[in-house]
Amino acid sequence: GNILGFTVDGVDVYQGIPYGRISARWIPATLPLPWSNLLNATSFGPICYQYGPYNQPFQYPESEQCLSLNIWAPHRSNESSLLPVRLW
């Protein structure tokens, strides 16, 4: 489906795009369910469950459903050439 992001300082930003889903712990992930409406990708998805730090709240919610992508790309209004990609 379509994805809604935002542009800031000449960079298009898409956050929290699901790339997999977990049906049960210790079972391999599967592809995410497709969406037909506009996916709001303007905030980070949940983080995977963490151990520690003690008595410190996490900035983002924790969930088993933590397989999401965050993408930053140069804003390009109507160019069709390919750009290099870096993953880490």
Protein backbone atom coordinates (compact mmCIF):
# COMPACT_ATOMS: atom_id res chain seq x y z
CA GLY A 1 0.00 0.00 0.00
CA ASN A 2 0.91 3.66 -0.02
CA ILE A 3 3.05 5.20 2.71
CA LEU A 4 2.80 8.68 4.24
CA GLY A 5 6.08 10.18 5.46
CA PHE A 6 7.33 13.73 5.88
CA THR A 7 10.09 15.97 4.52
CA VAL A 8 12.50 17.93 6.71
CA ASP A 9 15.54 19.92 5.53
CA GLY A 10 15.43 18.35 2.07
CA VAL A 11 15.18 14.78 3.37
CA ASP A 12 12.16 12.47 3.00
CA VAL A 13 11.61 10.48 6.21
CA TYR A 14 9.53 7.32 6.63
CA GLN A 15 9.41 5.68 10.06
CA GLY A 16 7.94 2.47 11.43
CA ILE A 17 7.29 0.66 8.12
CA PRO A 18 6.61 -3.00 8.97
CA TYR A 19 8.77 -5.55 7.12
CA GLY A 20 7.83 -8.65 9.11
CA ARG A 21 5.53 -9.85 11.83
CA ILE A 22 5.92 -12.27 14.69
CA SER A 23 3.22 -14.87 15.33
CA ALA A 24 4.92 -16.39 18.40
CA ARG A 25 8.25 -16.04 20.14
CA TRP A 26 11.06 -18.23 18.74
CA ILE A 27 9.11 -18.85 15.51
CA PRO A 28 10.52 -17.33 12.29
CA ALA A 29 8.92 -14.06 11.25
CA THR A 30 6.54 -13.88 8.31
CA LEU A 31 5.79 -11.11 5.85
CA PRO A 32 3.61 -8.31 7.22
CA LEU A 33 -0.05 -8.18 6.36
CA PRO A 34 -0.65 -5.94 3.34
CA TRP A 35 -2.47 -2.66 3.88
CA SER A 36 -4.86 -0.98 1.47
CA ASN A 37 -5.22 2.37 3.23
CA LEU A 38 -2.49 4.95 3.61
CA LEU A 39 0.14 3.78 6.15
CA ASN A 40 1.09 6.61 8.51
CA ALA A 41 4.91 6.31 8.66
CA THR A 42 5.57 9.49 10.63
CA SER A 43 6.70 7.97 13.93
CA PHE A 44 9.05 5.19 15.01
CA GLY A 45 7.60 1.72 15.50
CA PRO A 46 7.89 -0.13 18.80
CA ILE A 47 11.30 -1.42 19.87
CA CYS A 48 11.99 -5.07 20.66
CA TYR A 49 11.85 -6.07 24.32
CA GLN A 50 14.99 -4.93 26.16
CA TYR A 51 16.72 -5.97 29.36
CA GLY A 52 17.55 -2.92 31.49
CA PRO A 53 18.48 -0.22 32.21
CA TYR A 54 17.02 -0.70 35.65
CA ASN A 55 14.17 1.60 36.67
CA GLN A 56 14.60 3.70 33.50
CA PRO A 57 11.60 4.21 31.21
CA PHE A 58 12.17 3.56 27.53
CA GLN A 59 11.43 6.35 25.09
CA TYR A 60 9.50 4.03 22.74
CA PRO A 61 7.00 1.28 23.49
CA GLU A 62 8.27 -2.31 23.51
CA SER A 63 6.52 -5.06 21.55
CA GLU A 64 7.07 -8.42 19.89
CA GLN A 65 5.90 -6.65 16.70
CA CYS A 66 9.13 -4.66 16.41
CA LEU A 67 10.21 -5.49 12.85
CA SER A 68 10.03 -2.11 11.17
CA LEU A 69 12.14 0.03 8.85
CA ASN A 70 13.06 3.68 9.17
CA ILE A 71 14.08 5.28 5.88
CA TRP A 72 15.77 8.62 5.15
CA ALA A 73 16.21 9.60 1.50
CA PRO A 74 17.11 12.83 -0.32
CA HIS A 75 13.95 14.64 -1.37
CA ARG A 76 13.48 14.24 -5.12
CA SER A 77 10.28 15.56 -6.61
CA ASN A 78 10.36 13.95 -10.05
CA GLU A 79 13.74 12.29 -10.70
CA SER A 80 13.73 8.62 -11.62
CA SER A 81 17.44 7.71 -11.37
CA LEU A 82 18.51 5.17 -8.76
CA LEU A 83 20.41 6.11 -5.61
CA PRO A 84 22.89 4.08 -3.56
CA VAL A 85 21.55 2.42 -0.40
CA ARG A 86 23.30 1.81 2.93
CA LEU A 87 21.97 -0.63 5.54
CA TRP A 88 23.15 -1.18 9.10
